[in-house]
Structures are given as structure tokens and as C-alpha cells.
Amino acid sequence: MRRTTAGLGCWSVQPTYVLVELLVAAGASAAYSLRDDTISALGMLTCGPGHGGSPVDVCSPWHVGMDTAFVVFGLLRAAGAVLLRPRIGRGAWAWAAAVLWVVSGLAAAAVGLVPVDQQPSWHVVAALPVFVLQPLAVLVTAEALRRAAVVPPAVSLSGLAVGALTLVAAVGFGLRLGASSWVGGLERLALWPAYPWLAVVALALAASRAETVTKV
């Protein structure tokens, strides 16, 4: 029970990451654009270009908050996957989902430890798995939940939609990287939808557990 409760907590708080990012962006210089500039620019310790061809540098005074959010929420996603794996299912799909969340979560946490303006090469190494593995984690988790039938079908179906959307957006982000516009918009479309979906999964699993306890 404690394991499940802890896991539900790890996933239910994931939408808070988006709020943290928006707050950090609000504190950034006027040159910063959610549509055009990368999320990584918010974690820069120094002022620098937020997107390709930008004539004005972006400054992020609250970069510590952004880098901390990368680490904290990435670790929470990984921990939640480990703790909730028995609730997601017992087959290969559930195990694959847990592995994907752990690796992508640890990679996201590593992003916060290597800001792009300090260690650009290591930043890319850390960030790349997130864009590949996180959409796959959503898709595999949705399929695991569908097979286990532990949540309403709508939750599983929405996960398949979110996974497909984020995967397509991740490809678009990779193709637009270095461009002067829509880099930030595609990056956020590749990442943000997964976080409220995890909260929905947590709520659905909590409701399922409560129903089981009631029947017992």
C-alpha cells in the first residue's frame, strides 16, 4: 500500500513541472519566447542565444529553479515507474514501460546537471534519450494498461494518442532544431502532454485501488 501510494504521488505531481517552467520563463528576459526558444535556454547560467539566428541573448535569472526541476521531476518519474510497475501490469509490456520511464527520467534529471551553456556536448547526450524514450514510454504504458485492464479504456486510448502526438512532435523538434522559429513550441509539444497524462494515470490507478479495497 505504501509503495503504491508513493508511486501515485510521484506521478500525480508531474503537471507541476509545467507550472515551474512557465514561472521560470516569466522571469526570463523579454527576448525569451515559449514558441521559438528552447527549454534548455531557461537553464543557462549565463546569457546566450535561445534559438538559432537570434540577435538578442536570453537571460534566465531563475535558471537554478529550472535545472532543479529537471532533476527533481525526472527522478520522480523514474521512481514512480518503479513503484507502480506492479499496478501497471505483470507482463513484458509493464516491465518495458518501467524501464523506459526510468531511463528517460534519469536522462531528464541529467539534463539539469549539465546546462547547455556550460557543457553543450553532454547536455545533448543527456537530452536526446528523453525525446526518443519518453514518447515511447507513454505508448508502452498505455498498451500495458490496456492489456491489464486496470484503468478505464479512455485512459489507455488517451495515452496512445498522447504518445503518438509527442513522438511526432519530437521528430519535428529534431528537424527544426537550430531554426529561428517554433523550436520551443515543438519541444514543449513533444514533452508537456506526457506530464498531465501521468497524473491522469495516477488518479485512475488510485480509483481502481479504492474500488478494489471497497469490494474486499
Protein backbone atom coordinates (compact mmCIF):
# COMPACT_ATOMS: atom_id res chain seq x y z
CA MET A 1 0.00 0.00 0.00
CA ARG A 2 2.78 2.43 0.91
CA ARG A 3 4.67 1.59 -2.27
CA THR A 4 1.64 2.27 -4.40
CA THR A 5 0.81 5.50 -2.56
CA ALA A 6 4.35 6.77 -3.03
CA GLY A 7 4.28 5.89 -6.71
CA LEU A 8 0.94 7.61 -7.23
CA GLY A 9 2.38 10.71 -5.58
CA CYS A 10 5.44 10.69 -7.86
CA TRP A 11 3.27 10.68 -10.96
CA SER A 12 0.40 12.86 -9.76
CA VAL A 13 2.71 15.87 -9.22
CA GLN A 14 4.15 15.77 -12.75
CA PRO A 15 1.95 18.60 -14.14
CA THR A 16 3.63 20.88 -11.59
CA TYR A 17 6.73 20.75 -13.77
CA VAL A 18 4.92 22.73 -16.45
CA LEU A 19 4.00 25.41 -13.91
CA VAL A 20 7.60 25.65 -12.75
CA GLU A 21 8.80 26.05 -16.32
CA LEU A 22 6.26 28.78 -17.01
CA LEU A 23 7.28 30.63 -13.85
CA VAL A 24 10.96 30.48 -14.82
CA ALA A 25 10.08 31.64 -18.33
CA ALA A 26 8.11 34.56 -16.88
CA GLY A 27 11.24 35.64 -15.02
CA ALA A 28 13.47 35.39 -18.09
CA SER A 29 14.43 38.36 -20.21
CA ALA A 30 11.90 39.80 -22.64
CA ALA A 31 13.80 38.18 -25.50
CA TYR A 32 12.65 34.73 -24.40
CA SER A 33 9.83 33.14 -26.40
CA LEU A 34 7.95 29.99 -25.43
CA ARG A 35 7.25 29.42 -29.12
CA ASP A 36 10.74 29.95 -30.51
CA ASP A 37 13.27 29.34 -27.72
CA THR A 38 14.34 26.01 -26.26
CA ILE A 39 13.54 24.89 -22.74
CA SER A 40 17.27 24.41 -22.18
CA ALA A 41 17.78 28.17 -22.53
CA LEU A 42 15.91 28.61 -19.26
CA GLY A 43 18.56 26.53 -17.50
CA MET A 44 21.54 28.51 -18.81
CA LEU A 45 23.79 30.01 -16.14
CA THR A 46 24.88 32.79 -18.50
CA CYS A 47 23.07 34.85 -21.13
CA GLY A 48 23.10 33.36 -24.62
CA PRO A 49 21.06 32.70 -27.76
CA GLY A 50 17.74 31.00 -27.13
CA HIS A 51 17.27 29.88 -30.74
CA GLY A 52 19.16 29.86 -33.99
CA GLY A 53 19.78 33.25 -35.54
CA SER A 54 18.56 35.21 -32.52
CA PRO A 55 20.17 38.68 -32.46
CA VAL A 56 19.37 39.16 -28.75
CA ASP A 57 20.66 36.95 -25.95
CA VAL A 58 18.29 35.31 -23.49
CA CYS A 59 18.96 35.66 -19.77
CA SER A 60 17.32 33.36 -17.22
CA PRO A 61 17.80 34.66 -13.66
CA TRP A 62 15.87 31.70 -12.24
CA HIS A 63 17.99 29.08 -14.01
CA VAL A 64 18.59 27.26 -10.71
CA GLY A 65 14.86 26.59 -10.42
CA MET A 66 14.72 25.23 -13.97
CA ASP A 67 17.72 22.94 -13.57
CA THR A 68 16.39 21.75 -10.22
CA ALA A 69 13.02 20.97 -11.83
CA PHE A 70 14.76 18.87 -14.50
CA VAL A 71 16.43 16.81 -11.79
CA VAL A 72 13.53 16.51 -9.33
CA PHE A 73 10.73 15.72 -11.76
CA GLY A 74 12.91 13.38 -13.81
CA LEU A 75 13.76 11.37 -10.70
CA LEU A 76 10.11 11.35 -9.63
CA ARG A 77 9.02 9.94 -12.99
CA ALA A 78 11.63 7.20 -12.71
CA ALA A 79 10.73 6.41 -9.10
CA GLY A 80 7.02 6.38 -9.89
CA ALA A 81 7.57 3.84 -12.68
CA VAL A 82 9.46 1.51 -10.36
CA LEU A 83 6.91 1.82 -7.56
CA LEU A 84 3.86 1.45 -9.79
CA ARG A 85 5.14 -1.27 -12.09
CA PRO A 86 3.07 -3.99 -10.32
CA ARG A 87 -0.05 -1.84 -10.68
CA ILE A 88 0.54 -1.21 -14.39
CA GLY A 89 0.72 -4.92 -15.14
CA ARG A 90 2.81 -8.03 -14.71
CA GLY A 91 3.85 -8.85 -18.26
CA ALA A 92 6.60 -7.71 -20.59
CA TRP A 93 4.72 -4.54 -21.53
CA ALA A 94 4.67 -3.34 -17.92
CA TRP A 95 8.34 -4.10 -17.45
CA ALA A 96 9.21 -2.33 -20.71
CA ALA A 97 7.19 0.71 -19.64
CA ALA A 98 9.01 0.87 -16.31
CA VAL A 99 12.41 0.62 -17.99
CA LEU A 100 11.56 3.35 -20.50
CA TRP A 101 10.35 5.70 -17.76
CA VAL A 102 13.41 5.03 -15.61
CA VAL A 103 15.91 5.65 -18.41
CA SER A 104 14.10 8.72 -19.78
CA GLY A 105 13.58 10.07 -16.25
CA LEU A 106 17.25 9.67 -15.35
CA ALA A 107 18.23 11.29 -18.65
CA ALA A 108 15.93 14.24 -17.91
CA ALA A 109 17.50 14.56 -14.47
CA ALA A 110 20.96 14.55 -16.03
CA VAL A 111 19.92 17.48 -18.27
CA GLY A 112 19.66 19.64 -15.16
CA LEU A 113 23.21 18.75 -14.15
CA VAL A 114 24.80 19.77 -17.45
CA PRO A 115 23.37 23.16 -18.54
CA VAL A 116 23.61 23.73 -22.27
CA ASP A 117 25.84 26.81 -21.93
CA GLN A 118 28.29 25.02 -19.64
CA GLN A 119 28.59 21.55 -21.15
CA PRO A 120 26.79 21.59 -24.50
CA SER A 121 28.01 18.19 -25.68
CA TRP A 122 26.99 16.37 -22.50
CA HIS A 123 23.71 18.29 -22.50
CA VAL A 124 22.86 16.86 -25.91
CA VAL A 125 23.86 13.36 -24.80
CA ALA A 126 21.56 13.65 -21.78
CA ALA A 127 18.63 15.27 -23.61
CA LEU A 128 18.45 13.06 -26.71
CA PRO A 129 17.13 9.92 -24.93
CA VAL A 130 14.30 11.96 -23.40
CA PHE A 131 12.84 12.88 -26.78
CA VAL A 132 13.14 9.31 -28.05
CA LEU A 133 12.22 7.29 -24.95
CA GLN A 134 9.57 9.43 -23.23
CA PRO A 135 7.03 9.24 -26.09
CA LEU A 136 7.74 5.51 -26.32
CA ALA A 137 7.23 5.22 -22.56
CA VAL A 138 3.78 6.77 -22.90
CA LEU A 139 2.84 4.44 -25.74
CA VAL A 140 4.10 1.31 -23.99
CA THR A 141 2.49 2.29 -20.68
CA ALA A 142 -0.83 2.87 -22.43
CA GLU A 143 -0.64 -0.56 -24.04
CA ALA A 144 0.33 -2.19 -20.74
CA LEU A 145 -2.65 -0.56 -19.04
CA ARG A 146 -4.95 -1.64 -21.86
CA ARG A 147 -3.81 -5.24 -21.59
CA ALA A 148 -4.07 -5.27 -17.79
CA ALA A 149 -7.49 -3.55 -17.87
CA VAL A 150 -6.72 -1.79 -14.58
CA VAL A 151 -7.93 1.64 -15.73
CA PRO A 152 -10.86 2.80 -17.87
CA PRO A 153 -10.28 2.24 -21.61
CA ALA A 154 -10.35 6.00 -22.19
CA VAL A 155 -7.16 6.38 -20.15
CA SER A 156 -5.31 3.83 -22.28
CA LEU A 157 -6.63 5.29 -25.52
CA SER A 158 -5.67 8.81 -24.48
CA GLY A 159 -2.17 7.51 -23.75
CA LEU A 160 -1.86 6.12 -27.25
CA ALA A 161 -2.92 9.49 -28.63
CA VAL A 162 -0.54 11.41 -26.36
CA GLY A 163 2.32 9.06 -27.20
CA ALA A 164 1.75 9.43 -30.93
CA LEU A 165 1.47 13.22 -30.67
CA THR A 166 4.62 13.60 -28.61
CA LEU A 167 6.57 11.26 -30.87
CA VAL A 168 5.63 13.22 -34.00
CA ALA A 169 6.41 16.49 -32.23
CA ALA A 170 9.79 15.13 -31.11
CA VAL A 171 10.67 14.35 -34.72
CA GLY A 172 9.54 17.84 -35.73
CA PHE A 173 11.63 19.37 -32.96
CA GLY A 174 14.70 17.48 -34.15
CA LEU A 175 14.15 18.72 -37.69
CA ARG A 176 13.60 22.34 -36.56
CA LEU A 177 16.49 22.41 -34.07
CA GLY A 178 18.66 25.41 -34.86
CA ALA A 179 15.86 27.18 -36.76
CA SER A 180 14.61 30.66 -35.86
CA SER A 181 11.00 29.81 -35.05
CA TRP A 182 8.73 27.17 -33.48
CA VAL A 183 11.62 25.28 -31.90
CA GLY A 184 10.29 25.85 -28.40
CA GLY A 185 6.70 25.13 -29.39
CA LEU A 186 7.55 21.75 -30.89
CA GLU A 187 9.81 20.88 -27.97
CA ARG A 188 7.04 21.56 -25.50
CA LEU A 189 4.54 19.62 -27.60
CA ALA A 190 6.98 16.71 -27.51
CA LEU A 191 7.27 16.77 -23.71
CA TRP A 192 4.45 18.56 -21.90
CA PRO A 193 1.45 16.32 -22.78
CA ALA A 194 3.06 13.33 -21.05
CA TYR A 195 3.03 15.02 -17.64
CA PRO A 196 -0.70 15.63 -17.18
CA TRP A 197 -1.30 12.18 -18.68
CA LEU A 198 0.81 10.61 -15.94
CA ALA A 199 -1.33 12.43 -13.39
CA VAL A 200 -4.46 11.05 -15.07
CA VAL A 201 -2.97 7.55 -14.88
CA ALA A 202 -2.18 8.06 -11.19
CA LEU A 203 -5.74 9.18 -10.47
CA ALA A 204 -7.18 6.24 -12.42
CA LEU A 205 -4.95 3.76 -10.60
CA ALA A 206 -5.89 5.33 -7.26
CA ALA A 207 -9.57 4.99 -8.11
CA SER A 208 -9.04 1.38 -9.16
CA ARG A 209 -7.27 0.61 -5.90
CA ALA A 210 -10.01 2.27 -3.87
CA GLU A 211 -12.65 0.24 -5.70
CA THR A 212 -10.75 -2.97 -5.04
CA VAL A 213 -10.42 -2.17 -1.34
CA THR A 214 -14.14 -1.39 -1.14
CA LYS A 215 -15.07 -4.73 -2.70
CA VAL A 216 -12.82 -6.57 -0.28
